[in-house]
Amino acid sequence: MIDAREALARLVRDVPDFPEPGVVFKDITLLLADHDGFAAVVTALAGAGRDENGATVVDKVVGMEARGFILGAPVALALGVGFVPVRKAGKLPGETHAVSYDLEYGSATLEVHRDAIAPGERVLLVDDVLATGGTVAATRQLVEACGGEVVGVAMLMELTFLPGRATIGELPLTVLMSV
């Protein structure tokens, strides 16, 4: 089987000046289109939800909109647990918890269904890029509002020139590629 880190190095492309001048966007569409590379990444991310013996230690996987859905859902399947989407404000039909937070280029509000995570459930957060850490911090607040406990974070990439790692504090962090 292909190595996840090798797949990322080969299949993630830089797109300069997107979404605005001076930003280099990390495009994962080639990775998603490559079965072996995508499978390797899902397996590696799922490792963050297992103990040293390979046993699943989480009850739910939470993926943040939007690429966290693409990555988190197959990670949940690999772990044999449920998947919970965290969405932008106004996208979920039921009663929600909401958290607003600052982004690198503005602000946002995320929501989760109030009944998506049961009290005491252990949760793994999955997303594509750790940048400032704001999305992770807001999602952690949502999980805790439901009564759950975030026990780890799994990311494809970390932008090391931004303070994401410091923002998430003591949470165990699995990163497959540092930029």
Protein backbone atom coordinates (compact mmCIF):
# COMPACT_ATOMS: atom_id res chain seq x y z
CA MET A 1 0.00 0.00 0.00
CA ILE A 2 1.12 3.54 -0.75
CA ASP A 3 2.37 5.74 2.13
CA ALA A 4 0.06 8.62 3.09
CA ARG A 5 2.85 11.17 3.33
CA GLU A 6 4.21 10.20 -0.08
CA ALA A 7 0.70 10.48 -1.53
CA LEU A 8 0.31 13.97 -0.09
CA ALA A 9 3.68 15.08 -1.45
CA ARG A 10 2.77 13.78 -4.89
CA LEU A 11 -0.94 14.65 -5.09
CA VAL A 12 -1.42 17.98 -3.31
CA ARG A 13 -0.79 20.89 -5.63
CA ASP A 14 -0.17 24.54 -4.85
CA VAL A 15 -2.50 27.07 -6.46
CA PRO A 16 -0.96 30.54 -6.15
CA ASP A 17 -3.11 33.62 -5.50
CA PHE A 18 -6.24 31.67 -4.54
CA PRO A 19 -8.65 32.64 -3.06
CA GLU A 20 -6.91 36.02 -3.08
CA PRO A 21 -3.52 37.44 -4.09
CA GLY A 22 -0.62 36.29 -1.93
CA VAL A 23 -2.31 33.09 -0.71
CA VAL A 24 -1.05 29.69 -1.86
CA PHE A 25 -4.02 27.31 -1.74
CA LYS A 26 -3.35 23.61 -1.09
CA ASP A 27 -5.56 21.77 -3.58
CA ILE A 28 -6.40 18.18 -2.57
CA THR A 29 -8.61 17.27 -5.55
CA LEU A 30 -5.86 15.17 -7.18
CA LEU A 31 -5.47 13.25 -3.92
CA LEU A 32 -9.21 12.60 -3.69
CA ALA A 33 -9.25 11.32 -7.28
CA ASP A 34 -6.45 8.83 -6.60
CA HIS A 35 -7.89 5.70 -4.95
CA ASP A 36 -4.62 4.46 -3.44
CA GLY A 37 -3.57 7.87 -2.19
CA PHE A 38 -6.99 8.65 -0.72
CA ALA A 39 -7.16 5.24 0.95
CA ALA A 40 -3.69 5.72 2.46
CA VAL A 41 -4.65 9.12 3.86
CA VAL A 42 -7.92 7.82 5.34
CA THR A 43 -6.05 4.94 7.01
CA ALA A 44 -3.43 7.30 8.42
CA LEU A 45 -6.03 9.77 9.74
CA ALA A 46 -8.03 6.92 11.28
CA GLY A 47 -4.92 5.96 13.24
CA ALA A 48 -5.57 9.03 15.42
CA GLY A 49 -8.75 7.32 16.64
CA ARG A 50 -7.03 4.07 17.63
CA ASP A 51 -4.87 3.01 20.56
CA GLU A 52 -1.46 1.34 20.27
CA ASN A 53 -3.17 -2.06 19.80
CA GLY A 54 -5.37 -0.78 16.95
CA ALA A 55 -8.59 -0.66 18.98
CA THR A 56 -10.96 2.21 18.27
CA VAL A 57 -10.99 4.70 21.16
CA VAL A 58 -13.55 7.21 19.87
CA ASP A 59 -17.32 7.13 19.61
CA LYS A 60 -17.74 9.73 16.86
CA VAL A 61 -15.76 11.50 14.17
CA VAL A 62 -16.59 15.16 13.57
CA GLY A 63 -15.73 16.75 10.22
CA MET A 64 -15.77 20.49 9.68
CA GLU A 65 -17.28 22.06 6.58
CA ALA A 66 -16.46 21.37 3.88
CA ARG A 67 -13.35 19.30 3.20
CA GLY A 68 -13.60 17.82 6.69
CA PHE A 69 -16.76 16.06 5.44
CA ILE A 70 -14.85 14.43 2.59
CA LEU A 71 -12.11 13.21 4.94
CA GLY A 72 -14.05 12.62 8.14
CA ALA A 73 -16.83 10.39 6.79
CA PRO A 74 -14.49 7.65 5.48
CA VAL A 75 -12.38 7.94 8.64
CA ALA A 76 -15.55 7.26 10.68
CA LEU A 77 -16.30 4.23 8.50
CA ALA A 78 -12.74 2.95 8.95
CA LEU A 79 -13.11 3.28 12.72
CA GLY A 80 -16.60 1.75 12.80
CA VAL A 81 -18.18 4.83 14.41
CA GLY A 82 -20.66 7.54 13.47
CA PHE A 83 -19.88 10.74 11.60
CA VAL A 84 -21.09 14.21 12.63
CA PRO A 85 -20.91 17.20 10.29
CA VAL A 86 -20.19 20.66 11.68
CA ARG A 87 -21.77 23.13 9.27
CA LYS A 88 -21.80 26.81 8.50
CA ALA A 89 -24.65 28.72 10.14
CA GLY A 90 -28.13 28.04 8.79
CA LYS A 91 -27.32 24.76 7.00
CA LEU A 92 -28.64 22.28 9.59
CA PRO A 93 -32.41 21.71 9.87
CA GLY A 94 -32.70 20.82 13.56
CA GLU A 95 -31.93 22.58 16.82
CA THR A 96 -28.27 23.50 16.98
CA HIS A 97 -25.47 24.78 19.14
CA ALA A 98 -23.58 27.66 17.45
CA VAL A 99 -20.14 29.21 17.93
CA SER A 100 -18.78 32.29 16.17
CA TYR A 101 -15.04 32.77 15.74
CA ASP A 102 -12.43 34.75 13.81
CA LEU A 103 -10.80 33.47 10.65
CA GLU A 104 -7.61 34.58 8.97
CA TYR A 105 -9.77 36.61 6.53
CA GLY A 106 -12.89 37.48 8.57
CA SER A 107 -15.27 35.65 10.88
CA ALA A 108 -17.60 32.65 10.72
CA THR A 109 -20.21 30.77 12.68
CA LEU A 110 -20.32 26.98 12.92
CA GLU A 111 -23.21 24.82 14.11
CA VAL A 112 -23.84 21.24 15.16
CA HIS A 113 -27.13 19.49 15.90
CA ARG A 114 -27.77 19.49 19.65
CA ASP A 115 -28.41 15.73 19.61
CA ALA A 116 -25.50 14.75 17.34
CA ILE A 117 -23.13 13.86 20.18
CA ALA A 118 -24.29 12.21 23.39
CA PRO A 119 -22.89 13.28 26.76
CA GLY A 120 -19.65 11.45 27.48
CA GLU A 121 -18.91 10.45 23.88
CA ARG A 122 -15.27 10.65 22.86
CA VAL A 123 -14.74 12.56 19.62
CA LEU A 124 -12.01 12.80 16.96
CA LEU A 125 -11.97 16.03 14.92
CA VAL A 126 -10.91 15.65 11.27
CA ASP A 127 -10.20 18.40 8.74
CA ASP A 128 -7.83 19.19 5.90
CA VAL A 129 -5.69 22.11 7.13
CA LEU A 130 -4.69 23.40 10.55
CA ALA A 131 -3.99 27.11 10.11
CA THR A 132 -4.91 29.52 12.91
CA GLY A 133 -6.73 26.83 14.90
CA GLY A 134 -9.95 28.84 15.07
CA THR A 135 -12.09 26.21 13.39
CA VAL A 136 -10.76 23.48 15.70
CA ALA A 137 -11.31 25.63 18.80
CA ALA A 138 -14.86 26.51 17.74
CA THR A 139 -15.66 22.88 16.91
CA ARG A 140 -14.31 21.77 20.26
CA GLN A 141 -16.70 24.22 21.94
CA LEU A 142 -19.58 22.73 19.95
CA VAL A 143 -18.67 19.17 20.96
CA GLU A 144 -18.42 20.23 24.60
CA ALA A 145 -21.78 22.04 24.37
CA CYS A 146 -23.27 18.65 23.45
CA GLY A 147 -21.53 17.03 26.43
CA GLY A 148 -18.88 15.26 24.37
CA GLU A 149 -15.10 15.22 24.82
CA VAL A 150 -12.63 15.93 22.05
CA VAL A 151 -9.81 13.41 22.46
CA GLY A 152 -7.82 14.16 19.33
CA VAL A 153 -7.43 16.12 16.12
CA ALA A 154 -6.35 14.62 12.78
CA MET A 155 -5.31 16.89 9.90
CA LEU A 156 -3.94 16.35 6.43
CA MET A 157 -1.74 19.43 6.68
CA GLU A 158 -0.50 21.99 9.17
CA LEU A 159 0.57 25.47 8.12
CA THR A 160 3.45 25.83 10.57
CA PHE A 161 3.84 29.58 10.00
CA LEU A 162 0.41 30.11 11.62
CA PRO A 163 -0.45 29.57 15.33
CA GLY A 164 -2.82 26.59 14.96
CA ARG A 165 -0.87 24.22 17.17
CA ALA A 166 -0.68 26.77 19.99
CA THR A 167 -4.38 27.57 19.63
CA ILE A 168 -5.53 23.97 20.10
CA GLY A 169 -3.38 23.57 23.22
CA GLU A 170 -2.99 20.14 24.76
CA LEU A 171 -5.19 18.22 22.32
CA PRO A 172 -3.35 15.30 20.73
CA LEU A 173 -2.66 16.28 17.12
CA THR A 174 -1.96 14.01 14.16
CA VAL A 175 -0.66 15.83 11.08
CA LEU A 176 0.33 14.02 7.88
CA MET A 177 2.12 16.96 6.20
CA SER A 178 3.67 20.16 7.56
CA VAL A 179 3.97 23.17 5.30
